[in-house]
Amino acid sequence: AATAPVIPSVSFPESHDTPRLAAELDGDRQAVLQRYAFAATFSAGVMMPMGFEYGFRKRLHVVTTSPQDWEAPHWDLTGAITPINRTKARFRPLNEEGWLQPMDLGNPQRFGFRKRTRDGREEVLVILNLDRTSAARVRVPPGVPAPPPLAWTDPLAGTSHPVTDPGEMEVGPAGILIVHPDPKFP
């Protein structure tokens, strides 16, 4: 919040200071993608270290990692990352440093935050299901991010759907949804 008016931040799903997500999450591709989607929605900028998209497991070293450390790919997430980046590009609040507020979604296995543009004109609610094995029903808190009609977008699939009454949505295991004003209505 203090630096937002001055400089944009960059979020990383993993870095040279952390274990590789493919190793830490035992090869859980969905959970790795969720972490990338979270990084993409949280900060104005998003970056990934070499090999993230291929499920590399060997920890990076800020000084000694070199091209000789290239591993055999465990997977290829390049196609799966595309809808996440397209979703990020679609929503102004995800591309600038603005007001951010964590939301209580009534369960410690669900995490949410509101993110607003600096001028306060646009807002989204980002919801993550931290449970990697079970889907979750989540209700949109009243007045968040705007009065109805609302829609939700799954950045992992690149699909959008209207939020129906009573504002409950299902978030898949290690899923993420972005709740936003429905663009079909003024």
C-alpha atoms as a PDB file:
ATOM      1  CA  ALA A   1       0.000   0.000   0.000  1.00  0.00           C
ATOM      2  CA  ALA A   2       2.837   2.399   0.830  1.00  0.00           C
ATOM      3  CA  THR A   3       4.681   1.940  -2.466  1.00  0.00           C
ATOM      4  CA  ALA A   4       1.648   1.417  -4.748  1.00  0.00           C
ATOM      5  CA  PRO A   5       1.410   5.071  -5.872  1.00  0.00           C
ATOM      6  CA  VAL A   6       5.128   5.131  -6.653  1.00  0.00           C
ATOM      7  CA  ILE A   7       6.106   1.809  -8.211  1.00  0.00           C
ATOM      8  CA  PRO A   8       4.359  -1.361  -9.378  1.00  0.00           C
ATOM      9  CA  SER A   9       5.094  -4.651  -7.666  1.00  0.00           C
ATOM     10  CA  VAL A  10       5.994  -7.952  -9.304  1.00  0.00           C
ATOM     11  CA  SER A  11       4.741 -11.254  -7.932  1.00  0.00           C
ATOM     12  CA  PHE A  12       6.399 -14.639  -8.433  1.00  0.00           C
ATOM     13  CA  PRO A  13       4.789 -18.067  -7.942  1.00  0.00           C
ATOM     14  CA  GLU A  14       8.246 -19.269  -6.813  1.00  0.00           C
ATOM     15  CA  SER A  15      11.712 -17.757  -6.595  1.00  0.00           C
ATOM     16  CA  HIS A  16      15.310 -18.656  -5.875  1.00  0.00           C
ATOM     17  CA  ASP A  17      14.459 -18.150  -2.183  1.00  0.00           C
ATOM     18  CA  THR A  18      11.777 -20.857  -2.146  1.00  0.00           C
ATOM     19  CA  PRO A  19      11.571 -24.549  -3.040  1.00  0.00           C
ATOM     20  CA  ARG A  20      10.374 -25.287  -6.556  1.00  0.00           C
ATOM     21  CA  LEU A  21       6.575 -25.598  -6.485  1.00  0.00           C
ATOM     22  CA  ALA A  22       6.557 -28.769  -8.583  1.00  0.00           C
ATOM     23  CA  ALA A  23       8.638 -30.431  -5.844  1.00  0.00           C
ATOM     24  CA  GLU A  24       6.980 -28.735  -2.853  1.00  0.00           C
ATOM     25  CA  LEU A  25       3.478 -29.618  -4.092  1.00  0.00           C
ATOM     26  CA  ASP A  26       4.431 -33.191  -5.060  1.00  0.00           C
ATOM     27  CA  GLY A  27       3.777 -32.648  -8.748  1.00  0.00           C
ATOM     28  CA  ASP A  28       0.253 -31.267  -8.203  1.00  0.00           C
ATOM     29  CA  ARG A  29      -0.116 -29.467 -11.535  1.00  0.00           C
ATOM     30  CA  GLN A  30      -3.421 -27.821 -10.557  1.00  0.00           C
ATOM     31  CA  ALA A  31      -1.967 -26.376  -7.341  1.00  0.00           C
ATOM     32  CA  VAL A  32       1.073 -25.072  -9.237  1.00  0.00           C
ATOM     33  CA  LEU A  33      -1.213 -23.341 -11.755  1.00  0.00           C
ATOM     34  CA  GLN A  34      -3.264 -21.861  -8.912  1.00  0.00           C
ATOM     35  CA  ARG A  35      -0.098 -20.343  -7.432  1.00  0.00           C
ATOM     36  CA  TYR A  36       0.747 -18.772 -10.783  1.00  0.00           C
ATOM     37  CA  ALA A  37      -2.814 -17.421 -11.124  1.00  0.00           C
ATOM     38  CA  PHE A  38      -2.604 -15.981  -7.594  1.00  0.00           C
ATOM     39  CA  ALA A  39       0.685 -14.254  -8.442  1.00  0.00           C
ATOM     40  CA  ALA A  40      -0.886 -12.872 -11.637  1.00  0.00           C
ATOM     41  CA  THR A  41      -3.905 -11.451  -9.811  1.00  0.00           C
ATOM     42  CA  PHE A  42      -2.081 -10.072  -6.772  1.00  0.00           C
ATOM     43  CA  SER A  43       0.466  -7.729  -8.344  1.00  0.00           C
ATOM     44  CA  ALA A  44       0.599  -5.486 -11.376  1.00  0.00           C
ATOM     45  CA  GLY A  45       3.485  -7.564 -12.718  1.00  0.00           C
ATOM     46  CA  VAL A  46       4.050 -11.308 -12.756  1.00  0.00           C
ATOM     47  CA  MET A  47       7.208 -13.255 -13.537  1.00  0.00           C
ATOM     48  CA  MET A  48       8.236 -16.875 -13.384  1.00  0.00           C
ATOM     49  CA  PRO A  49      11.708 -18.328 -13.020  1.00  0.00           C
ATOM     50  CA  MET A  50      13.273 -20.537 -15.664  1.00  0.00           C
ATOM     51  CA  GLY A  51      11.695 -23.973 -15.737  1.00  0.00           C
ATOM     52  CA  PHE A  52       8.558 -23.149 -13.754  1.00  0.00           C
ATOM     53  CA  GLU A  53       6.401 -23.860 -16.790  1.00  0.00           C
ATOM     54  CA  TYR A  54       8.082 -27.257 -17.216  1.00  0.00           C
ATOM     55  CA  GLY A  55       7.789 -28.432 -13.609  1.00  0.00           C
ATOM     56  CA  PHE A  56      11.462 -28.234 -12.763  1.00  0.00           C
ATOM     57  CA  ARG A  57      12.162 -29.505  -9.257  1.00  0.00           C
ATOM     58  CA  LYS A  58      15.788 -28.625  -8.561  1.00  0.00           C
ATOM     59  CA  ARG A  59      16.026 -25.544  -6.347  1.00  0.00           C
ATOM     60  CA  LEU A  60      17.395 -22.442  -8.021  1.00  0.00           C
ATOM     61  CA  HIS A  61      20.480 -20.668  -6.734  1.00  0.00           C
ATOM     62  CA  VAL A  62      20.693 -16.931  -7.334  1.00  0.00           C
ATOM     63  CA  VAL A  63      24.403 -17.115  -8.241  1.00  0.00           C
ATOM     64  CA  THR A  64      25.251 -20.605  -9.467  1.00  0.00           C
ATOM     65  CA  THR A  65      22.174 -21.701 -11.473  1.00  0.00           C
ATOM     66  CA  SER A  66      23.178 -21.910 -15.129  1.00  0.00           C
ATOM     67  CA  PRO A  67      21.904 -23.409 -18.414  1.00  0.00           C
ATOM     68  CA  GLN A  68      23.552 -26.692 -17.380  1.00  0.00           C
ATOM     69  CA  ASP A  69      20.871 -26.988 -14.670  1.00  0.00           C
ATOM     70  CA  TRP A  70      18.149 -27.472 -17.315  1.00  0.00           C
ATOM     71  CA  GLU A  71      16.006 -30.491 -16.385  1.00  0.00           C
ATOM     72  CA  ALA A  72      13.879 -32.883 -18.367  1.00  0.00           C
ATOM     73  CA  PRO A  73      10.372 -31.345 -18.378  1.00  0.00           C
ATOM     74  CA  HIS A  74       7.783 -32.957 -16.073  1.00  0.00           C
ATOM     75  CA  TRP A  75       4.993 -31.117 -17.910  1.00  0.00           C
ATOM     76  CA  ASP A  76       4.405 -28.133 -20.178  1.00  0.00           C
ATOM     77  CA  LEU A  77       2.215 -25.398 -18.672  1.00  0.00           C
ATOM     78  CA  THR A  78       2.722 -22.870 -21.464  1.00  0.00           C
ATOM     79  CA  GLY A  79      -0.763 -23.487 -22.888  1.00  0.00           C
ATOM     80  CA  ALA A  80      -2.346 -23.441 -19.419  1.00  0.00           C
ATOM     81  CA  ILE A  81      -0.661 -20.137 -18.533  1.00  0.00           C
ATOM     82  CA  THR A  82      -2.131 -18.402 -21.596  1.00  0.00           C
ATOM     83  CA  PRO A  83      -5.738 -18.111 -20.262  1.00  0.00           C
ATOM     84  CA  ILE A  84      -4.388 -16.843 -16.933  1.00  0.00           C
ATOM     85  CA  ASN A  85      -2.449 -14.079 -18.673  1.00  0.00           C
ATOM     86  CA  ARG A  86      -5.453 -13.244 -20.879  1.00  0.00           C
ATOM     87  CA  THR A  87      -7.696 -13.022 -17.812  1.00  0.00           C
ATOM     88  CA  LYS A  88      -5.189 -10.741 -16.089  1.00  0.00           C
ATOM     89  CA  ALA A  89      -5.127  -8.469 -19.152  1.00  0.00           C
ATOM     90  CA  ARG A  90      -8.949  -8.262 -19.136  1.00  0.00           C
ATOM     91  CA  PHE A  91      -9.364  -6.702 -15.689  1.00  0.00           C
ATOM     92  CA  ARG A  92      -7.867  -3.312 -14.887  1.00  0.00           C
ATOM     93  CA  PRO A  93      -7.613  -3.933 -11.114  1.00  0.00           C
ATOM     94  CA  LEU A  94      -5.266  -6.863 -11.804  1.00  0.00           C
ATOM     95  CA  ASN A  95      -2.873  -4.669 -13.776  1.00  0.00           C
ATOM     96  CA  GLU A  96      -2.217  -1.841 -11.370  1.00  0.00           C
ATOM     97  CA  GLU A  97      -1.377  -1.332  -7.754  1.00  0.00           C
ATOM     98  CA  GLY A  98      -4.540  -0.269  -6.032  1.00  0.00           C
ATOM     99  CA  TRP A  99      -6.451  -0.781  -2.819  1.00  0.00           C
ATOM    100  CA  LEU A 100      -6.361  -4.390  -1.612  1.00  0.00           C
ATOM    101  CA  GLN A 101      -8.378  -5.926   1.226  1.00  0.00           C
ATOM    102  CA  PRO A 102      -8.362  -9.547   2.468  1.00  0.00           C
ATOM    103  CA  MET A 103     -11.844 -11.051   2.838  1.00  0.00           C
ATOM    104  CA  ASP A 104     -13.128 -13.519   5.395  1.00  0.00           C
ATOM    105  CA  LEU A 105     -14.938 -16.234   3.448  1.00  0.00           C
ATOM    106  CA  GLY A 106     -15.951 -18.170   6.559  1.00  0.00           C
ATOM    107  CA  ASN A 107     -13.490 -21.040   6.172  1.00  0.00           C
ATOM    108  CA  PRO A 108      -9.683 -21.079   6.583  1.00  0.00           C
ATOM    109  CA  GLN A 109      -9.451 -23.282   3.458  1.00  0.00           C
ATOM    110  CA  ARG A 110     -10.826 -20.390   1.367  1.00  0.00           C
ATOM    111  CA  PHE A 111      -8.921 -17.172   0.799  1.00  0.00           C
ATOM    112  CA  GLY A 112     -10.253 -14.049  -0.824  1.00  0.00           C
ATOM    113  CA  PHE A 113      -9.233 -10.484  -1.426  1.00  0.00           C
ATOM    114  CA  ARG A 114     -10.783  -7.440  -3.022  1.00  0.00           C
ATOM    115  CA  LYS A 115      -8.647  -5.440  -5.405  1.00  0.00           C
ATOM    116  CA  ARG A 116      -9.603  -2.012  -6.692  1.00  0.00           C
ATOM    117  CA  THR A 117      -8.108   0.348  -9.257  1.00  0.00           C
ATOM    118  CA  ARG A 118      -6.324   3.432  -7.950  1.00  0.00           C
ATOM    119  CA  ASP A 119      -9.175   5.652  -9.134  1.00  0.00           C
ATOM    120  CA  GLY A 120     -11.710   3.386  -7.357  1.00  0.00           C
ATOM    121  CA  ARG A 121     -13.802   2.848 -10.504  1.00  0.00           C
ATOM    122  CA  GLU A 122     -13.262  -0.882 -10.918  1.00  0.00           C
ATOM    123  CA  GLU A 123     -13.022  -3.721  -8.410  1.00  0.00           C
ATOM    124  CA  VAL A 124     -12.771  -7.488  -8.419  1.00  0.00           C
ATOM    125  CA  LEU A 125     -12.943 -10.180  -5.766  1.00  0.00           C
ATOM    126  CA  VAL A 126     -10.381 -12.982  -6.068  1.00  0.00           C
ATOM    127  CA  ILE A 127     -11.320 -16.292  -4.386  1.00  0.00           C
ATOM    128  CA  LEU A 128      -8.946 -19.221  -3.888  1.00  0.00           C
ATOM    129  CA  ASN A 129      -9.791 -22.705  -2.673  1.00  0.00           C
ATOM    130  CA  LEU A 130      -6.718 -23.738  -0.688  1.00  0.00           C
ATOM    131  CA  ASP A 131      -7.999 -27.318  -0.432  1.00  0.00           C
ATOM    132  CA  ARG A 132      -6.161 -29.333  -3.072  1.00  0.00           C
ATOM    133  CA  THR A 133      -8.501 -32.348  -2.921  1.00  0.00           C
ATOM    134  CA  SER A 134     -12.078 -31.052  -2.577  1.00  0.00           C
ATOM    135  CA  ALA A 135     -14.233 -28.487  -4.326  1.00  0.00           C
ATOM    136  CA  ALA A 136     -15.787 -25.747  -2.206  1.00  0.00           C
ATOM    137  CA  ARG A 137     -19.007 -23.742  -2.252  1.00  0.00           C
ATOM    138  CA  VAL A 138     -18.310 -20.053  -1.693  1.00  0.00           C
ATOM    139  CA  ARG A 139     -20.813 -17.244  -1.330  1.00  0.00           C
ATOM    140  CA  VAL A 140     -20.055 -13.746  -2.562  1.00  0.00           C
ATOM    141  CA  PRO A 141     -20.211 -11.346   0.394  1.00  0.00           C
ATOM    142  CA  PRO A 142     -22.920  -8.657  -0.067  1.00  0.00           C
ATOM    143  CA  GLY A 143     -21.772  -5.558  -1.939  1.00  0.00           C
ATOM    144  CA  VAL A 144     -18.545  -7.164  -3.140  1.00  0.00           C
ATOM    145  CA  PRO A 145     -17.198  -6.168  -5.592  1.00  0.00           C
ATOM    146  CA  ALA A 146     -20.258  -4.241  -6.803  1.00  0.00           C
ATOM    147  CA  PRO A 147     -24.024  -4.484  -6.810  1.00  0.00           C
ATOM    148  CA  PRO A 148     -25.388  -7.251  -9.051  1.00  0.00           C
ATOM    149  CA  PRO A 149     -25.315  -8.345 -11.774  1.00  0.00           C
ATOM    150  CA  LEU A 150     -21.990 -10.098 -11.262  1.00  0.00           C
ATOM    151  CA  ALA A 151     -20.059 -12.700 -13.183  1.00  0.00           C
ATOM    152  CA  TRP A 152     -17.201 -14.997 -12.237  1.00  0.00           C
ATOM    153  CA  THR A 153     -14.223 -15.902 -14.364  1.00  0.00           C
ATOM    154  CA  ASP A 154     -12.052 -18.969 -13.915  1.00  0.00           C
ATOM    155  CA  PRO A 155      -8.598 -17.814 -15.067  1.00  0.00           C
ATOM    156  CA  LEU A 156      -7.387 -21.425 -15.258  1.00  0.00           C
ATOM    157  CA  ALA A 157     -10.041 -22.274 -17.850  1.00  0.00           C
ATOM    158  CA  GLY A 158     -10.512 -18.801 -19.305  1.00  0.00           C
ATOM    159  CA  THR A 159     -14.303 -19.072 -18.967  1.00  0.00           C
ATOM    160  CA  SER A 160     -16.871 -16.698 -17.465  1.00  0.00           C
ATOM    161  CA  HIS A 161     -20.365 -17.307 -16.068  1.00  0.00           C
ATOM    162  CA  PRO A 162     -23.036 -15.179 -14.375  1.00  0.00           C
ATOM    163  CA  VAL A 163     -23.226 -15.271 -10.593  1.00  0.00           C
ATOM    164  CA  THR A 164     -26.692 -16.587  -9.854  1.00  0.00           C
ATOM    165  CA  ASP A 165     -28.804 -15.944  -6.805  1.00  0.00           C
ATOM    166  CA  PRO A 166     -27.920 -16.462  -3.930  1.00  0.00           C
ATOM    167  CA  GLY A 167     -24.370 -15.667  -5.112  1.00  0.00           C
ATOM    168  CA  GLU A 168     -22.875 -19.110  -4.480  1.00  0.00           C
ATOM    169  CA  MET A 169     -20.194 -20.553  -6.704  1.00  0.00           C
ATOM    170  CA  GLU A 170     -18.248 -23.770  -6.717  1.00  0.00           C
ATOM    171  CA  VAL A 171     -14.476 -23.458  -6.705  1.00  0.00           C
ATOM    172  CA  GLY A 172     -12.658 -26.622  -7.727  1.00  0.00           C
ATOM    173  CA  PRO A 173      -9.784 -28.179  -5.792  1.00  0.00           C
ATOM    174  CA  ALA A 174      -6.869 -25.702  -5.866  1.00  0.00           C
ATOM    175  CA  GLY A 175      -9.161 -23.446  -7.884  1.00  0.00           C
ATOM    176  CA  ILE A 176      -9.336 -19.703  -8.268  1.00  0.00           C
ATOM    177  CA  LEU A 177     -12.206 -17.450  -9.370  1.00  0.00           C
ATOM    178  CA  ILE A 178     -12.438 -13.747 -10.095  1.00  0.00           C
ATOM    179  CA  VAL A 179     -15.793 -12.131  -9.312  1.00  0.00           C
ATOM    180  CA  HIS A 180     -16.480  -8.942 -11.272  1.00  0.00           C
ATOM    181  CA  PRO A 181     -19.309  -6.828 -12.665  1.00  0.00           C
ATOM    182  CA  ASP A 182     -21.051  -8.656 -15.498  1.00  0.00           C
ATOM    183  CA  PRO A 183     -20.003  -6.894 -18.727  1.00  0.00           C
ATOM    184  CA  LYS A 184     -23.333  -7.763 -20.398  1.00  0.00           C
ATOM    185  CA  PHE A 185     -25.079  -5.183 -18.231  1.00  0.00           C
ATOM    186  CA  PRO A 186     -24.397  -1.450 -17.921  1.00  0.00           C
END
